[in-house]
PDB file of N, CA and C in Angstrom:
ATOM      1  N   MET A   1     260.289 244.815  84.153  1.00  0.00           N
ATOM      2  CA  MET A   1     259.055 244.862  83.388  1.00  0.00           C
ATOM      3  C   MET A   1     258.199 243.662  83.780  1.00  0.00           C
ATOM      4  N   ALA A   2     256.891 243.807  83.711  1.00  0.00           N
ATOM      5  CA  ALA A   2     255.972 242.740  84.081  1.00  0.00           C
ATOM      6  C   ALA A   2     255.180 242.256  82.867  1.00  0.00           C
ATOM      7  N   LEU A   3     254.876 240.982  82.879  1.00  0.00           N
ATOM      8  CA  LEU A   3     254.043 240.359  81.851  1.00  0.00           C
ATOM      9  C   LEU A   3     252.769 239.854  82.483  1.00  0.00           C
ATOM     10  N   SER A   4     251.630 240.217  81.910  1.00  0.00           N
ATOM     11  CA  SER A   4     250.353 239.713  82.398  1.00  0.00           C
ATOM     12  C   SER A   4     250.220 238.259  82.014  1.00  0.00           C
ATOM     13  N   VAL A   5     249.878 237.437  82.981  1.00  0.00           N
ATOM     14  CA  VAL A   5     249.659 236.018  82.713  1.00  0.00           C
ATOM     15  C   VAL A   5     248.168 235.827  82.609  1.00  0.00           C
ATOM     16  N   ASN A   6     247.712 235.793  81.353  1.00  0.00           N
ATOM     17  CA  ASN A   6     246.258 235.750  81.125  1.00  0.00           C
ATOM     18  C   ASN A   6     245.793 234.535  80.345  1.00  0.00           C
ATOM     19  N   THR A   7     246.684 233.530  80.224  1.00  0.00           N
ATOM     20  CA  THR A   7     246.284 232.268  79.601  1.00  0.00           C
ATOM     21  C   THR A   7     246.920 231.122  80.371  1.00  0.00           C
ATOM     22  N   LEU A   8     246.323 229.970  80.253  1.00  0.00           N
ATOM     23  CA  LEU A   8     246.837 228.789  80.893  1.00  0.00           C
ATOM     24  C   LEU A   8     248.225 228.471  80.330  1.00  0.00           C
ATOM     25  N   ASN A   9     248.411 228.696  79.046  1.00  0.00           N
ATOM     26  CA  ASN A   9     249.700 228.445  78.408  1.00  0.00           C
ATOM     27  C   ASN A   9     250.825 229.292  79.052  1.00  0.00           C
ATOM     28  N   LEU A  10     250.572 230.582  79.274  1.00  0.00           N
ATOM     29  CA  LEU A  10     251.573 231.434  79.894  1.00  0.00           C
ATOM     30  C   LEU A  10     251.825 231.015  81.345  1.00  0.00           C
ATOM     31  N   LEU A  11     250.766 230.630  82.046  1.00  0.00           N
ATOM     32  CA  LEU A  11     250.972 230.157  83.428  1.00  0.00           C
ATOM     33  C   LEU A  11     251.805 228.892  83.432  1.00  0.00           C
ATOM     34  N   ASN A  12     251.549 227.994  82.505  1.00  0.00           N
ATOM     35  CA  ASN A  12     252.339 226.765  82.378  1.00  0.00           C
ATOM     36  C   ASN A  12     253.788 227.092  82.095  1.00  0.00           C
ATOM     37  N   GLN A  13     254.072 228.023  81.208  1.00  0.00           N
ATOM     38  CA  GLN A  13     255.463 228.413  80.910  1.00  0.00           C
ATOM     39  C   GLN A  13     256.157 228.965  82.160  1.00  0.00           C
ATOM     40  N   TYR A  14     255.430 229.789  82.896  1.00  0.00           N
ATOM     41  CA  TYR A  14     256.015 230.367  84.109  1.00  0.00           C
ATOM     42  C   TYR A  14     256.331 229.264  85.128  1.00  0.00           C
ATOM     43  N   ILE A  15     255.373 228.374  85.385  1.00  0.00           N
ATOM     44  CA  ILE A  15     255.557 227.329  86.374  1.00  0.00           C
ATOM     45  C   ILE A  15     256.695 226.391  85.951  1.00  0.00           C
ATOM     46  N   THR A  16     256.774 226.065  84.682  1.00  0.00           N
ATOM     47  CA  THR A  16     257.835 225.208  84.164  1.00  0.00           C
ATOM     48  C   THR A  16     259.197 225.823  84.435  1.00  0.00           C
ATOM     49  N   GLY A  17     259.329 227.110  84.178  1.00  0.00           N
ATOM     50  CA  GLY A  17     260.589 227.800  84.439  1.00  0.00           C
ATOM     51  C   GLY A  17     260.951 227.813  85.901  1.00  0.00           C
ATOM     52  N   VAL A  18     259.961 228.109  86.741  1.00  0.00           N
ATOM     53  CA  VAL A  18     260.192 228.123  88.182  1.00  0.00           C
ATOM     54  C   VAL A  18     260.650 226.742  88.657  1.00  0.00           C
ATOM     55  N   MET A  19     259.982 225.696  88.205  1.00  0.00           N
ATOM     56  CA  MET A  19     260.307 224.349  88.662  1.00  0.00           C
ATOM     57  C   MET A  19     261.702 223.933  88.177  1.00  0.00           C
ATOM     58  N   GLU A  20     262.068 224.308  86.962  1.00  0.00           N
ATOM     59  CA  GLU A  20     263.408 223.981  86.470  1.00  0.00           C
ATOM     60  C   GLU A  20     264.467 224.686  87.287  1.00  0.00           C
ATOM     61  N   ARG A  21     264.258 225.967  87.582  1.00  0.00           N
ATOM     62  CA  ARG A  21     265.245 226.715  88.357  1.00  0.00           C
ATOM     63  C   ARG A  21     265.311 226.194  89.811  1.00  0.00           C
ATOM     64  N   ALA A  22     264.142 225.833  90.370  1.00  0.00           N
ATOM     65  CA  ALA A  22     264.111 225.350  91.747  1.00  0.00           C
ATOM     66  C   ALA A  22     264.863 224.028  91.886  1.00  0.00           C
ATOM     67  N   GLU A  23     264.758 223.159  90.918  1.00  0.00           N
ATOM     68  CA  GLU A  23     265.466 221.864  90.985  1.00  0.00           C
ATOM     69  C   GLU A  23     266.959 222.072  91.154  1.00  0.00           C
ATOM     70  N   HIS A  24     267.511 223.105  90.564  1.00  0.00           N
ATOM     71  CA  HIS A  24     268.955 223.321  90.572  1.00  0.00           C
ATOM     72  C   HIS A  24     269.382 224.298  91.685  1.00  0.00           C
ATOM     73  N   HIS A  25     268.559 225.301  91.963  1.00  0.00           N
ATOM     74  CA  HIS A  25     269.012 226.382  92.837  1.00  0.00           C
ATOM     75  C   HIS A  25     268.205 226.531  94.119  1.00  0.00           C
ATOM     76  N   ALA A  26     267.048 225.885  94.216  1.00  0.00           N
ATOM     77  CA  ALA A  26     266.202 226.068  95.393  1.00  0.00           C
ATOM     78  C   ALA A  26     265.460 224.784  95.747  1.00  0.00           C
ATOM     79  N   PRO A  27     266.192 223.709  96.021  1.00  0.00           N
ATOM     80  CA  PRO A  27     265.533 222.424  96.271  1.00  0.00           C
ATOM     81  C   PRO A  27     264.679 222.423  97.549  1.00  0.00           C
ATOM     82  N   ASN A  28     264.824 223.457  98.370  1.00  0.00           N
ATOM     83  CA  ASN A  28     264.051 223.557  99.606  1.00  0.00           C
ATOM     84  C   ASN A  28     262.594 223.966  99.358  1.00  0.00           C
ATOM     85  N   VAL A  29     262.284 224.420  98.121  1.00  0.00           N
ATOM     86  CA  VAL A  29     260.915 224.879  97.787  1.00  0.00           C
ATOM     87  C   VAL A  29     260.357 224.259  96.519  1.00  0.00           C
ATOM     88  N   ASP A  30     261.063 223.330  95.929  1.00  0.00           N
ATOM     89  CA  ASP A  30     260.631 222.796  94.642  1.00  0.00           C
ATOM     90  C   ASP A  30     259.293 222.024  94.695  1.00  0.00           C
ATOM     91  N   GLU A  31     258.967 221.449  95.843  1.00  0.00           N
ATOM     92  CA  GLU A  31     257.704 220.729  95.971  1.00  0.00           C
ATOM     93  C   GLU A  31     256.560 221.640  96.401  1.00  0.00           C
ATOM     94  N   ILE A  32     256.800 222.501  97.369  1.00  0.00           N
ATOM     95  CA  ILE A  32     255.752 223.384  97.870  1.00  0.00           C
ATOM     96  C   ILE A  32     255.302 224.391  96.817  1.00  0.00           C
ATOM     97  N   ALA A  33     256.172 224.681  95.881  1.00  0.00           N
ATOM     98  CA  ALA A  33     255.821 225.629  94.791  1.00  0.00           C
ATOM     99  C   ALA A  33     254.571 225.185  94.059  1.00  0.00           C
ATOM    100  N   LEU A  34     254.413 223.876  93.869  1.00  0.00           N
ATOM    101  CA  LEU A  34     253.242 223.362  93.160  1.00  0.00           C
ATOM    102  C   LEU A  34     251.939 223.602  93.952  1.00  0.00           C
ATOM    103  N   ALA A  35     251.983 223.435  95.263  1.00  0.00           N
ATOM    104  CA  ALA A  35     250.812 223.707  96.090  1.00  0.00           C
ATOM    105  C   ALA A  35     250.486 225.212  96.074  1.00  0.00           C
ATOM    106  N   ILE A  36     251.535 226.054  96.063  1.00  0.00           N
ATOM    107  CA  ILE A  36     251.313 227.491  96.032  1.00  0.00           C
ATOM    108  C   ILE A  36     250.632 227.903  94.741  1.00  0.00           C
ATOM    109  N   VAL A  37     251.064 227.296  93.634  1.00  0.00           N
ATOM    110  CA  VAL A  37     250.451 227.606  92.342  1.00  0.00           C
ATOM    111  C   VAL A  37     248.961 227.248  92.379  1.00  0.00           C
ATOM    112  N   GLY A  38     248.622 226.132  92.988  1.00  0.00           N
ATOM    113  CA  GLY A  38     247.225 225.777  93.127  1.00  0.00           C
ATOM    114  C   GLY A  38     246.440 226.795  93.922  1.00  0.00           C
ATOM    115  N   ALA A  39     247.025 227.342  94.961  1.00  0.00           N
ATOM    116  CA  ALA A  39     246.355 228.376  95.762  1.00  0.00           C
ATOM    117  C   ALA A  39     246.207 229.657  94.952  1.00  0.00           C
ATOM    118  N   ILE A  40     247.181 229.969  94.156  1.00  0.00           N
ATOM    119  CA  ILE A  40     247.087 231.170  93.282  1.00  0.00           C
ATOM    120  C   ILE A  40     245.923 231.009  92.332  1.00  0.00           C
ATOM    121  N   ILE A  41     245.847 229.847  91.692  1.00  0.00           N
ATOM    122  CA  ILE A  41     244.747 229.638  90.746  1.00  0.00           C
ATOM    123  C   ILE A  41     243.405 229.713  91.470  1.00  0.00           C
ATOM    124  N   TRP A  42     243.343 229.221  92.659  1.00  0.00           N
ATOM    125  CA  TRP A  42     242.122 229.239  93.469  1.00  0.00           C
ATOM    126  C   TRP A  42     241.679 230.643  93.797  1.00  0.00           C
ATOM    127  N   LYS A  43     242.610 231.532  94.142  1.00  0.00           N
ATOM    128  CA  LYS A  43     242.233 232.852  94.708  1.00  0.00           C
ATOM    129  C   LYS A  43     242.282 234.039  93.725  1.00  0.00           C
ATOM    130  N   VAL A  44     242.962 233.939  92.628  1.00  0.00           N
ATOM    131  CA  VAL A  44     243.030 235.083  91.711  1.00  0.00           C
ATOM    132  C   VAL A  44     242.474 234.722  90.343  1.00  0.00           C
ATOM    133  N   THR A  45     242.261 235.770  89.562  1.00  0.00           N
ATOM    134  CA  THR A  45     241.777 235.577  88.182  1.00  0.00           C
ATOM    135  C   THR A  45     242.907 235.877  87.211  1.00  0.00           C
ATOM    136  N   ASP A  46     242.704 235.535  85.949  1.00  0.00           N
ATOM    137  CA  ASP A  46     243.738 235.713  84.903  1.00  0.00           C
ATOM    138  C   ASP A  46     244.379 237.086  84.974  1.00  0.00           C
ATOM    139  N   GLU A  47     243.532 238.114  84.933  1.00  0.00           N
ATOM    140  CA  GLU A  47     244.048 239.476  84.831  1.00  0.00           C
ATOM    141  C   GLU A  47     244.715 239.969  86.102  1.00  0.00           C
ATOM    142  N   ASP A  48     244.666 239.165  87.155  1.00  0.00           N
ATOM    143  CA  ASP A  48     245.263 239.569  88.426  1.00  0.00           C
ATOM    144  C   ASP A  48     246.668 239.034  88.621  1.00  0.00           C
ATOM    145  N   ILE A  49     247.238 238.315  87.645  1.00  0.00           N
ATOM    146  CA  ILE A  49     248.557 237.706  87.777  1.00  0.00           C
ATOM    147  C   ILE A  49     249.521 238.377  86.814  1.00  0.00           C
ATOM    148  N   GLN A  50     250.677 238.786  87.317  1.00  0.00           N
ATOM    149  CA  GLN A  50     251.757 239.295  86.477  1.00  0.00           C
ATOM    150  C   GLN A  50     253.065 238.657  86.947  1.00  0.00           C
ATOM    151  N   VAL A  51     253.991 238.482  86.021  1.00  0.00           N
ATOM    152  CA  VAL A  51     255.299 237.960  86.378  1.00  0.00           C
ATOM    153  C   VAL A  51     256.375 238.917  85.868  1.00  0.00           C
ATOM    154  N   LYS A  52     257.458 238.947  86.624  1.00  0.00           N
ATOM    155  CA  LYS A  52     258.585 239.773  86.238  1.00  0.00           C
ATOM    156  C   LYS A  52     259.287 239.174  85.053  1.00  0.00           C
ATOM    157  N   THR A  53     259.756 240.025  84.154  1.00  0.00           N
ATOM    158  CA  THR A  53     260.557 239.530  83.052  1.00  0.00           C
ATOM    159  C   THR A  53     261.955 240.114  83.169  1.00  0.00           C
ATOM    160  N   TYR A  54     262.910 239.349  82.689  1.00  0.00           N
ATOM    161  CA  TYR A  54     264.317 239.753  82.688  1.00  0.00           C
ATOM    162  C   TYR A  54     264.925 239.326  81.352  1.00  0.00           C
ATOM    163  N   SER A  55     265.399 240.286  80.594  1.00  0.00           N
ATOM    164  CA  SER A  55     265.935 240.012  79.272  1.00  0.00           C
ATOM    165  C   SER A  55     264.946 239.248  78.395  1.00  0.00           C
ATOM    166  N   GLY A  56     263.701 239.580  78.515  1.00  0.00           N
ATOM    167  CA  GLY A  56     262.675 238.976  77.684  1.00  0.00           C
ATOM    168  C   GLY A  56     262.165 237.626  78.173  1.00  0.00           C
ATOM    169  N   GLN A  57     262.700 237.128  79.260  1.00  0.00           N
ATOM    170  CA  GLN A  57     262.294 235.828  79.799  1.00  0.00           C
ATOM    171  C   GLN A  57     261.559 236.028  81.130  1.00  0.00           C
ATOM    172  N   MET A  58     260.624 235.119  81.419  1.00  0.00           N
ATOM    173  CA  MET A  58     259.919 235.201  82.686  1.00  0.00           C
ATOM    174  C   MET A  58     260.883 234.870  83.846  1.00  0.00           C
ATOM    175  N   ALA A  59     260.817 235.651  84.901  1.00  0.00           N
ATOM    176  CA  ALA A  59     261.635 235.442  86.087  1.00  0.00           C
ATOM    177  C   ALA A  59     260.764 234.876  87.210  1.00  0.00           C
ATOM    178  N   ASN A  60     261.342 234.721  88.368  1.00  0.00           N
ATOM    179  CA  ASN A  60     260.643 234.064  89.473  1.00  0.00           C
ATOM    180  C   ASN A  60     259.594 234.908  90.207  1.00  0.00           C
ATOM    181  N   VAL A  61     259.651 236.208  90.136  1.00  0.00           N
ATOM    182  CA  VAL A  61     258.739 237.065  90.901  1.00  0.00           C
ATOM    183  C   VAL A  61     257.360 237.076  90.222  1.00  0.00           C
ATOM    184  N   LEU A  62     256.343 236.917  91.058  1.00  0.00           N
ATOM    185  CA  LEU A  62     254.955 236.927  90.580  1.00  0.00           C
ATOM    186  C   LEU A  62     254.176 237.919  91.448  1.00  0.00           C
ATOM    187  N   TRP A  63     253.344 238.739  90.805  1.00  0.00           N
ATOM    188  CA  TRP A  63     252.456 239.640  91.518  1.00  0.00           C
ATOM    189  C   TRP A  63     251.024 239.135  91.352  1.00  0.00           C
ATOM    190  N   MET A  64     250.244 239.248  92.372  1.00  0.00           N
ATOM    191  CA  MET A  64     248.859 238.803  92.304  1.00  0.00           C
ATOM    192  C   MET A  64     247.986 239.766  93.084  1.00  0.00           C
ATOM    193  N   THR A  65     246.712 239.841  92.697  1.00  0.00           N
ATOM    194  CA  THR A  65     245.779 240.648  93.427  1.00  0.00           C
ATOM    195  C   THR A  65     244.684 239.725  93.966  1.00  0.00           C
ATOM    196  N   ILE A  66     244.469 239.832  95.274  1.00  0.00           N
ATOM    197  CA  ILE A  66     243.448 239.040  95.952  1.00  0.00           C
ATOM    198  C   ILE A  66     242.642 240.018  96.813  1.00  0.00           C
ATOM    199  N   ASN A  67     241.321 240.023  96.582  1.00  0.00           N
ATOM    200  CA  ASN A  67     240.448 240.955  97.337  1.00  0.00           C
ATOM    201  C   ASN A  67     240.952 242.393  97.270  1.00  0.00           C
ATOM    202  N   VAL A  68     241.282 242.838  96.103  1.00  0.00           N
ATOM    203  CA  VAL A  68     241.774 244.192  95.763  1.00  0.00           C
ATOM    204  C   VAL A  68     243.148 244.534  96.369  1.00  0.00           C
ATOM    205  N   ASN A  69     243.767 243.597  97.054  1.00  0.00           N
ATOM    206  CA  ASN A  69     245.118 243.854  97.607  1.00  0.00           C
ATOM    207  C   ASN A  69     246.173 243.162  96.749  1.00  0.00           C
ATOM    208  N   ARG A  70     247.248 243.875  96.527  1.00  0.00           N
ATOM    209  CA  ARG A  70     248.335 243.353  95.677  1.00  0.00           C
ATOM    210  C   ARG A  70     249.417 242.713  96.544  1.00  0.00           C
ATOM    211  N   TYR A  71     249.917 241.571  96.106  1.00  0.00           N
ATOM    212  CA  TYR A  71     250.946 240.814  96.819  1.00  0.00           C
ATOM    213  C   TYR A  71     252.016 240.404  95.831  1.00  0.00           C
ATOM    214  N   ALA A  72     253.222 240.246  96.329  1.00  0.00           N
ATOM    215  CA  ALA A  72     254.337 239.720  95.548  1.00  0.00           C
ATOM    216  C   ALA A  72     254.727 238.371  96.108  1.00  0.00           C
ATOM    217  N   LEU A  73     254.959 237.432  95.225  1.00  0.00           N
ATOM    218  CA  LEU A  73     255.452 236.120  95.610  1.00  0.00           C
ATOM    219  C   LEU A  73     256.902 236.086  95.180  1.00  0.00           C
ATOM    220  N   VAL A  74     257.809 235.942  96.126  1.00  0.00           N
ATOM    221  CA  VAL A  74     259.237 236.006  95.827  1.00  0.00           C
ATOM    222  C   VAL A  74     259.986 234.880  96.522  1.00  0.00           C
ATOM    223  N   TYR A  75     261.147 234.542  95.965  1.00  0.00           N
ATOM    224  CA  TYR A  75     262.035 233.581  96.622  1.00  0.00           C
ATOM    225  C   TYR A  75     263.057 234.375  97.431  1.00  0.00           C
ATOM    226  N   ASN A  76     263.152 234.057  98.710  1.00  0.00           N
ATOM    227  CA  ASN A  76     264.117 234.692  99.590  1.00  0.00           C
ATOM    228  C   ASN A  76     265.356 233.825  99.649  1.00  0.00           C
ATOM    229  N   HIS A  77     266.440 234.293  99.044  1.00  0.00           N
ATOM    230  CA  HIS A  77     267.684 233.517  98.939  1.00  0.00           C
ATOM    231  C   HIS A  77     268.349 233.325 100.289  1.00  0.00           C
ATOM    232  N   GLU A  78     268.180 234.278 101.196  1.00  0.00           N
ATOM    233  CA  GLU A  78     268.839 234.179 102.497  1.00  0.00           C
ATOM    234  C   GLU A  78     268.296 233.057 103.347  1.00  0.00           C
ATOM    235  N   ASN A  79     266.964 232.940 103.417  1.00  0.00           N
ATOM    236  CA  ASN A  79     266.407 231.862 104.254  1.00  0.00           C
ATOM    237  C   ASN A  79     265.816 230.739 103.443  1.00  0.00           C
ATOM    238  N   GLU A  80     265.988 230.767 102.110  1.00  0.00           N
ATOM    239  CA  GLU A  80     265.561 229.731 101.186  1.00  0.00           C
ATOM    240  C   GLU A  80     264.084 229.385 101.315  1.00  0.00           C
ATOM    241  N   THR A  81     263.263 230.431 101.316  1.00  0.00           N
ATOM    242  CA  THR A  81     261.792 230.258 101.388  1.00  0.00           C
ATOM    243  C   THR A  81     261.126 231.026 100.261  1.00  0.00           C
ATOM    244  N   ILE A  82     259.901 230.623  99.956  1.00  0.00           N
ATOM    245  CA  ILE A  82     259.029 231.419  99.109  1.00  0.00           C
ATOM    246  C   ILE A  82     258.202 232.291 100.031  1.00  0.00           C
ATOM    247  N   GLU A  83     258.137 233.585  99.762  1.00  0.00           N
ATOM    248  CA  GLU A  83     257.424 234.520 100.649  1.00  0.00           C
ATOM    249  C   GLU A  83     256.296 235.203  99.884  1.00  0.00           C
ATOM    250  N   ILE A  84     255.219 235.455 100.609  1.00  0.00           N
ATOM    251  CA  ILE A  84     254.183 236.349 100.132  1.00  0.00           C
ATOM    252  C   ILE A  84     254.441 237.685 100.809  1.00  0.00           C
ATOM    253  N   ARG A  85     254.656 238.738  99.984  1.00  0.00           N
ATOM    254  CA  ARG A  85     254.945 240.046 100.534  1.00  0.00           C
ATOM    255  C   ARG A  85     253.848 241.028 100.189  1.00  0.00           C
ATOM    256  N   GLU A  86     253.637 241.956 101.083  1.00  0.00           N
ATOM    257  CA  GLU A  86     252.616 243.017 100.915  1.00  0.00           C
ATOM    258  C   GLU A  86     253.005 243.980  99.843  1.00  0.00           C
ATOM    259  N   GLY A  87     252.192 244.097  98.809  1.00  0.00           N
ATOM    260  CA  GLY A  87     252.325 245.175  97.807  1.00  0.00           C
ATOM    261  C   GLY A  87     253.414 245.068  96.799  1.00  0.00           C
ATOM    262  N   SER A  88     254.624 244.740  97.224  1.00  0.00           N
ATOM    263  CA  SER A  88     255.751 244.721  96.301  1.00  0.00           C
ATOM    264  C   SER A  88     256.825 243.747  96.767  1.00  0.00           C
ATOM    265  N   ILE A  89     257.869 243.598  95.984  1.00  0.00           N
ATOM    266  CA  ILE A  89     258.952 242.671  96.349  1.00  0.00           C
ATOM    267  C   ILE A  89     259.696 243.137  97.596  1.00  0.00           C
ATOM    268  N   ARG A  90     259.569 244.418  97.938  1.00  0.00           N
ATOM    269  CA  ARG A  90     260.187 244.953  99.134  1.00  0.00           C
ATOM    270  C   ARG A  90     259.215 245.089 100.307  1.00  0.00           C
ATOM    271  N   GLY A  91     257.994 244.658 100.115  1.00  0.00           N
ATOM    272  CA  GLY A  91     256.993 244.760 101.162  1.00  0.00           C
ATOM    273  C   GLY A  91     257.240 243.801 102.322  1.00  0.00           C
ATOM    274  N   ASN A  92     256.461 243.970 103.369  1.00  0.00           N
ATOM    275  CA  ASN A  92     256.563 243.111 104.547  1.00  0.00           C
ATOM    276  C   ASN A  92     256.240 241.676 104.155  1.00  0.00           C
ATOM    277  N   ALA A  93     257.052 240.735 104.627  1.00  0.00           N
ATOM    278  CA  ALA A  93     256.781 239.315 104.405  1.00  0.00           C
ATOM    279  C   ALA A  93     255.645 238.888 105.314  1.00  0.00           C
ATOM    280  N   LEU A  94     254.548 238.465 104.723  1.00  0.00           N
ATOM    281  CA  LEU A  94     253.397 238.043 105.483  1.00  0.00           C
ATOM    282  C   LEU A  94     253.439 236.533 105.797  1.00  0.00           C
ATOM    283  N   TYR A  95     253.911 235.746 104.858  1.00  0.00           N
ATOM    284  CA  TYR A  95     253.970 234.307 104.976  1.00  0.00           C
ATOM    285  C   TYR A  95     255.233 233.807 104.270  1.00  0.00           C
ATOM    286  N   GLU A  96     255.762 232.705 104.772  1.00  0.00           N
ATOM    287  CA  GLU A  96     256.886 232.046 104.094  1.00  0.00           C
ATOM    288  C   GLU A  96     256.659 230.552 104.073  1.00  0.00           C
ATOM    289  N   PHE A  97     257.138 229.915 103.010  1.00  0.00           N
ATOM    290  CA  PHE A  97     256.891 228.495 102.806  1.00  0.00           C
ATOM    291  C   PHE A  97     258.140 227.761 102.377  1.00  0.00           C
ATOM    292  N   THR A  98     258.276 226.526 102.785  1.00  0.00           N
ATOM    293  CA  THR A  98     259.318 225.590 102.309  1.00  0.00           C
ATOM    294  C   THR A  98     258.646 224.254 102.075  1.00  0.00           C
ATOM    295  N   ASN A  99     259.411 223.280 101.607  1.00  0.00           N
ATOM    296  CA  ASN A  99     258.854 221.954 101.397  1.00  0.00           C
ATOM    297  C   ASN A  99     258.338 221.340 102.704  1.00  0.00           C
ATOM    298  N   ALA A 100     258.813 221.839 103.847  1.00  0.00           N
ATOM    299  CA  ALA A 100     258.384 221.326 105.149  1.00  0.00           C
ATOM    300  C   ALA A 100     257.038 221.933 105.602  1.00  0.00           C
ATOM    301  N   THR A 101     256.561 222.930 104.909  1.00  0.00           N
ATOM    302  CA  THR A 101     255.301 223.615 105.290  1.00  0.00           C
ATOM    303  C   THR A 101     254.117 222.686 105.014  1.00  0.00           C
ATOM    304  N   PRO A 102     253.289 222.443 106.017  1.00  0.00           N
ATOM    305  CA  PRO A 102     252.056 221.665 105.787  1.00  0.00           C
ATOM    306  C   PRO A 102     251.144 222.393 104.793  1.00  0.00           C
ATOM    307  N   ILE A 103     250.525 221.640 103.921  1.00  0.00           N
ATOM    308  CA  ILE A 103     249.624 222.215 102.892  1.00  0.00           C
ATOM    309  C   ILE A 103     248.524 223.060 103.523  1.00  0.00           C
ATOM    310  N   ILE A 104     248.047 222.667 104.679  1.00  0.00           N
ATOM    311  CA  ILE A 104     246.983 223.424 105.344  1.00  0.00           C
ATOM    312  C   ILE A 104     247.407 224.877 105.627  1.00  0.00           C
ATOM    313  N   GLU A 105     248.704 225.086 105.849  1.00  0.00           N
ATOM    314  CA  GLU A 105     249.195 226.455 106.074  1.00  0.00           C
ATOM    315  C   GLU A 105     249.112 227.316 104.847  1.00  0.00           C
ATOM    316  N   ILE A 106     249.265 226.724 103.686  1.00  0.00           N
ATOM    317  CA  ILE A 106     249.083 227.456 102.430  1.00  0.00           C
ATOM    318  C   ILE A 106     247.622 227.857 102.290  1.00  0.00           C
ATOM    319  N   LYS A 107     246.736 226.897 102.527  1.00  0.00           N
ATOM    320  CA  LYS A 107     245.311 227.203 102.441  1.00  0.00           C
ATOM    321  C   LYS A 107     244.938 228.330 103.392  1.00  0.00           C
ATOM    322  N   GLN A 108     245.401 228.248 104.628  1.00  0.00           N
ATOM    323  CA  GLN A 108     245.088 229.267 105.622  1.00  0.00           C
ATOM    324  C   GLN A 108     245.663 230.633 105.221  1.00  0.00           C
ATOM    325  N   ALA A 109     246.902 230.641 104.734  1.00  0.00           N
ATOM    326  CA  ALA A 109     247.509 231.896 104.328  1.00  0.00           C
ATOM    327  C   ALA A 109     246.703 232.554 103.216  1.00  0.00           C
ATOM    328  N   PHE A 110     246.349 231.811 102.195  1.00  0.00           N
ATOM    329  CA  PHE A 110     245.598 232.387 101.085  1.00  0.00           C
ATOM    330  C   PHE A 110     244.185 232.763 101.494  1.00  0.00           C
ATOM    331  N   ASN A 111     243.602 232.063 102.439  1.00  0.00           N
ATOM    332  CA  ASN A 111     242.297 232.467 102.956  1.00  0.00           C
ATOM    333  C   ASN A 111     242.370 233.777 103.734  1.00  0.00           C
ATOM    334  N   ASN A 112     243.532 234.045 104.330  1.00  0.00           N
ATOM    335  CA  ASN A 112     243.693 235.259 105.124  1.00  0.00           C
ATOM    336  C   ASN A 112     244.065 236.493 104.264  1.00  0.00           C
ATOM    337  N   LEU A 113     244.393 236.275 103.011  1.00  0.00           N
ATOM    338  CA  LEU A 113     244.799 237.428 102.181  1.00  0.00           C
ATOM    339  C   LEU A 113     243.579 238.220 101.758  1.00  0.00           C
TER     340      LEU A 113
END
């Protein structure tokens, strides 16, 4: 099930959860996640953001719409990256990011969406 993130408070709750989980389970993306959130805020509007819920709690998957196209932001456990995927969590991976990714690549990726 998905929850619409339509307030700054909900976005803050989502980011806080992601950061807490990343510190323990995904240290390879805990820093770059903050830059990605900035790009999301830059390119989408409130009603264009949804997050997956699991047992009533917000999970790591985020869906966003940019220029009428839907994308999923997911953590890939196999290669320990955050990916932007086309359309859904099973869509083609368009971009992947880690803490080693230069910030300019995030800007370029979001400009290309």
